[in-house]
């Protein structure tokens, strides 16, 4: 994926955030943009109110990332080096998931559960992945969406302490995106403010 493919998405997200303001509903819509499988999951996840809804939306993104890496990792399409990186990133997402689920419970909410594998396979169109490059391209899109979602969600959180959890998770997602983009031969972005 080259930077010109990403610029319209970034501009659209900035306009969306500027014009809509950040409420729980806006955050749900932003999280939806991070990946097709999140549409129904985020709608359901935002069932909590306020910060719990925002955190559950983020948790739905983590469930999607874990499933994508697990299912793609088991596809046989990845070389050993790429599989090793995918498993590291999956581990990061599992750590994010655990931290977010604990936070939701601590706030008196119920963490959103992951969806069935068949849902992720269908909605992420994993059956269409035929090469390692296809898998990496999908991962790049999902990581970019996750980074944008976390950065956007920070402003929606009422509890400032919770922002200290979202900030490093968003940074992790950006590192995943940058690593995958560089490894796939993608170009260095020429414009600032790539995320959010």
Protein backbone atom coordinates (compact mmCIF):
# COMPACT_ATOMS: atom_id res chain seq x y z
CA UNK A 1 0.00 0.00 0.00
CA UNK A 2 1.44 3.41 -0.88
CA UNK A 3 0.82 6.67 0.94
CA UNK A 4 -1.48 8.07 -1.73
CA UNK A 5 -3.88 5.22 -0.94
CA UNK A 6 -3.97 6.24 2.72
CA UNK A 7 -4.28 10.02 2.43
CA UNK A 8 -8.02 10.11 1.58
CA UNK A 9 -8.81 7.86 4.54
CA UNK A 10 -6.85 10.09 6.92
CA UNK A 11 -8.48 13.24 5.56
CA UNK A 12 -11.94 11.69 5.78
CA UNK A 13 -11.35 10.68 9.40
CA UNK A 14 -10.08 14.14 10.34
CA UNK A 15 -13.14 15.76 8.78
CA UNK A 16 -15.40 13.25 10.49
CA UNK A 17 -13.89 13.97 13.91
CA UNK A 18 -13.90 17.74 13.37
CA UNK A 19 -17.50 17.90 12.19
CA UNK A 20 -19.11 15.29 14.40
CA UNK A 21 -17.55 15.76 17.82
CA UNK A 22 -16.60 12.80 19.97
CA UNK A 23 -19.45 11.03 21.74
CA UNK A 24 -19.82 7.31 22.35
CA UNK A 25 -21.77 7.04 19.09
CA UNK A 26 -19.02 8.86 17.21
CA UNK A 27 -16.42 6.56 18.69
CA UNK A 28 -18.44 3.56 17.58
CA UNK A 29 -18.50 4.95 14.06
CA UNK A 30 -14.75 5.64 14.16
CA UNK A 31 -14.02 2.12 15.36
CA UNK A 32 -16.22 0.81 12.54
CA UNK A 33 -13.85 2.48 10.09
CA UNK A 34 -10.96 0.39 11.40
CA UNK A 35 -12.23 -2.79 9.81
CA UNK A 36 -15.31 -4.32 8.27
CA UNK A 37 -15.77 -6.99 10.91
CA UNK A 38 -16.10 -4.32 13.57
CA UNK A 39 -19.42 -2.94 12.32
CA UNK A 40 -21.67 -5.28 14.27
CA UNK A 41 -19.20 -5.94 17.08
CA UNK A 42 -18.69 -2.27 17.85
CA UNK A 43 -22.40 -1.55 17.69
CA UNK A 44 -22.92 -4.28 20.27
CA UNK A 45 -19.81 -3.32 22.28
CA UNK A 46 -20.90 0.27 22.70
CA UNK A 47 -23.81 -1.07 24.75
CA UNK A 48 -21.99 0.27 27.80
CA UNK A 49 -22.33 3.95 28.45
CA UNK A 50 -19.60 6.56 28.61
CA UNK A 51 -16.10 5.26 29.13
CA UNK A 52 -17.24 1.63 29.38
CA UNK A 53 -18.73 1.88 25.87
CA UNK A 54 -15.56 3.47 24.51
CA UNK A 55 -13.36 0.83 26.14
CA UNK A 56 -15.60 -1.98 24.90
CA UNK A 57 -15.34 -0.55 21.38
CA UNK A 58 -11.56 -0.75 21.70
CA UNK A 59 -11.87 -4.28 23.07
CA UNK A 60 -13.84 -5.29 19.95
CA UNK A 61 -10.94 -4.00 17.82
CA UNK A 62 -8.50 -6.11 19.83
CA UNK A 63 -10.65 -9.22 19.41
CA UNK A 64 -10.64 -8.61 15.66
CA UNK A 65 -6.85 -8.19 15.57
CA UNK A 66 -6.29 -11.36 17.58
CA UNK A 67 -8.59 -13.35 15.31
CA UNK A 68 -7.03 -11.93 12.14
CA UNK A 69 -3.48 -12.80 13.23
CA UNK A 70 -4.49 -16.22 14.55
CA UNK A 71 -6.47 -17.20 11.46
CA UNK A 72 -3.98 -15.76 8.97
CA UNK A 73 -1.11 -17.29 10.94
CA UNK A 74 -2.69 -20.71 10.60
CA UNK A 75 -3.30 -20.30 6.88
CA UNK A 76 0.09 -21.59 5.78
CA UNK A 77 0.61 -18.44 3.69
CA UNK A 78 3.22 -16.81 5.93
CA UNK A 79 6.97 -17.36 5.76
CA UNK A 80 8.68 -18.16 9.09
CA UNK A 81 9.88 -14.57 9.60
CA UNK A 82 6.50 -13.04 8.88
CA UNK A 83 4.77 -15.63 11.05
CA UNK A 84 7.13 -14.79 13.91
CA UNK A 85 6.24 -11.08 13.66
CA UNK A 86 2.52 -11.91 13.37
CA UNK A 87 2.70 -13.97 16.56
CA UNK A 88 4.46 -11.13 18.39
CA UNK A 89 1.79 -8.67 17.25
CA UNK A 90 -0.96 -11.14 18.22
CA UNK A 91 0.63 -11.30 21.67
CA UNK A 92 0.51 -7.51 21.90
CA UNK A 93 -3.18 -7.56 21.00
CA UNK A 94 -3.83 -10.23 23.64
CA UNK A 95 -2.13 -8.02 26.23
CA UNK A 96 -4.25 -5.05 25.13
CA UNK A 97 -7.36 -7.23 25.32
CA UNK A 98 -6.60 -8.39 28.82
CA UNK A 99 -5.87 -4.88 30.08
CA UNK A 100 -9.05 -3.46 28.51
CA UNK A 101 -11.27 -6.30 29.77
CA UNK A 102 -9.91 -5.82 33.30
CA UNK A 103 -10.61 -2.10 33.07
CA UNK A 104 -14.20 -2.66 31.90
CA UNK A 105 -14.82 -5.01 34.84
CA UNK A 106 -13.19 -2.56 37.27
CA UNK A 107 -15.62 0.11 36.02
CA UNK A 108 -18.59 -2.20 36.65
CA UNK A 109 -19.18 -3.18 33.03
CA UNK A 110 -19.17 -6.43 31.11
CA UNK A 111 -16.39 -6.85 28.54
CA UNK A 112 -17.57 -7.52 25.00
CA UNK A 113 -16.83 -11.07 23.88
CA UNK A 114 -15.05 -12.00 20.66
CA UNK A 115 -17.17 -12.99 17.71
CA UNK A 116 -17.18 -16.41 16.09
CA UNK A 117 -14.25 -17.17 13.80
CA UNK A 118 -16.66 -17.61 10.88
CA UNK A 119 -17.78 -13.99 11.34
CA UNK A 120 -14.21 -12.72 11.07
CA UNK A 121 -13.43 -15.02 8.12
CA UNK A 122 -16.49 -13.76 6.26
CA UNK A 123 -16.36 -10.06 7.10
CA UNK A 124 -12.60 -9.69 6.67
CA UNK A 125 -12.83 -11.81 3.51
CA UNK A 126 -10.01 -14.02 4.76
CA UNK A 127 -10.87 -16.66 2.16
CA UNK A 128 -9.66 -14.27 -0.53
CA UNK A 129 -6.14 -14.16 0.92
CA UNK A 130 -3.94 -16.13 -1.48
CA UNK A 131 -0.42 -14.87 -0.75
CA UNK A 132 1.69 -13.59 2.11
CA UNK A 133 1.42 -10.15 0.51
CA UNK A 134 -2.39 -10.33 0.75
CA UNK A 135 -2.15 -11.16 4.46
CA UNK A 136 0.31 -8.33 5.13
CA UNK A 137 -1.83 -5.84 3.18
CA UNK A 138 -4.85 -6.75 5.32
CA UNK A 139 -2.78 -6.48 8.51
CA UNK A 140 -1.54 -3.03 7.46
CA UNK A 141 -5.12 -1.83 6.95
CA UNK A 142 -6.29 -3.25 10.28
CA UNK A 143 -3.33 -1.80 12.20
CA UNK A 144 -3.82 1.64 10.61
CA UNK A 145 -7.50 1.52 11.54
CA UNK A 146 -6.72 0.44 15.10
CA UNK A 147 -4.14 3.21 15.57
CA UNK A 148 -6.61 5.79 14.27
CA UNK A 149 -9.37 4.45 16.50
CA UNK A 150 -7.27 4.60 19.67
CA UNK A 151 -6.00 8.09 18.91
CA UNK A 152 -9.56 9.29 18.26
CA UNK A 153 -10.98 7.54 21.30
CA UNK A 154 -8.57 9.23 23.71
CA UNK A 155 -10.56 12.46 23.45
CA UNK A 156 -13.85 10.71 24.20
CA UNK A 157 -12.70 9.31 27.54
CA UNK A 158 -13.94 11.17 30.59
CA UNK A 159 -11.54 9.40 32.97
CA UNK A 160 -8.15 10.95 32.27
CA UNK A 161 -6.34 7.99 33.84
CA UNK A 162 -7.81 5.75 31.15
CA UNK A 163 -6.11 7.87 28.49
CA UNK A 164 -2.81 6.62 29.91
CA UNK A 165 -3.83 3.14 28.79
CA UNK A 166 -5.13 4.17 25.36
CA UNK A 167 -2.07 6.26 24.45
CA UNK A 168 0.49 3.43 24.60
CA UNK A 169 -1.91 0.99 22.95
CA UNK A 170 -2.36 3.46 20.09
CA UNK A 171 1.43 3.74 19.88
CA UNK A 172 1.72 -0.07 19.71
CA UNK A 173 -0.77 -0.13 16.82
CA UNK A 174 1.23 2.57 15.01
CA UNK A 175 4.43 0.55 15.50
CA UNK A 176 2.71 -2.53 14.07
CA UNK A 177 1.56 -0.48 11.06
CA UNK A 178 5.01 1.03 10.51
CA UNK A 179 6.78 -2.32 10.83
CA UNK A 180 4.43 -4.06 8.40
CA UNK A 181 4.51 -1.15 5.95
CA UNK A 182 8.32 -1.05 5.93
CA UNK A 183 8.62 -4.84 5.65
CA UNK A 184 6.25 -4.88 2.68
CA UNK A 185 8.28 -2.23 0.86
CA UNK A 186 5.75 0.53 1.46
CA UNK A 187 6.98 4.09 1.17
CA UNK A 188 7.62 6.40 4.08
CA UNK A 189 4.68 8.82 4.42
CA UNK A 190 5.55 12.22 3.01
CA UNK A 191 2.89 14.09 4.98
CA UNK A 192 2.63 14.58 8.77
CA UNK A 193 -0.34 13.52 10.88
CA UNK A 194 -0.71 10.08 9.36
CA UNK A 195 -2.92 8.89 12.20
CA UNK A 196 -6.25 10.36 13.31
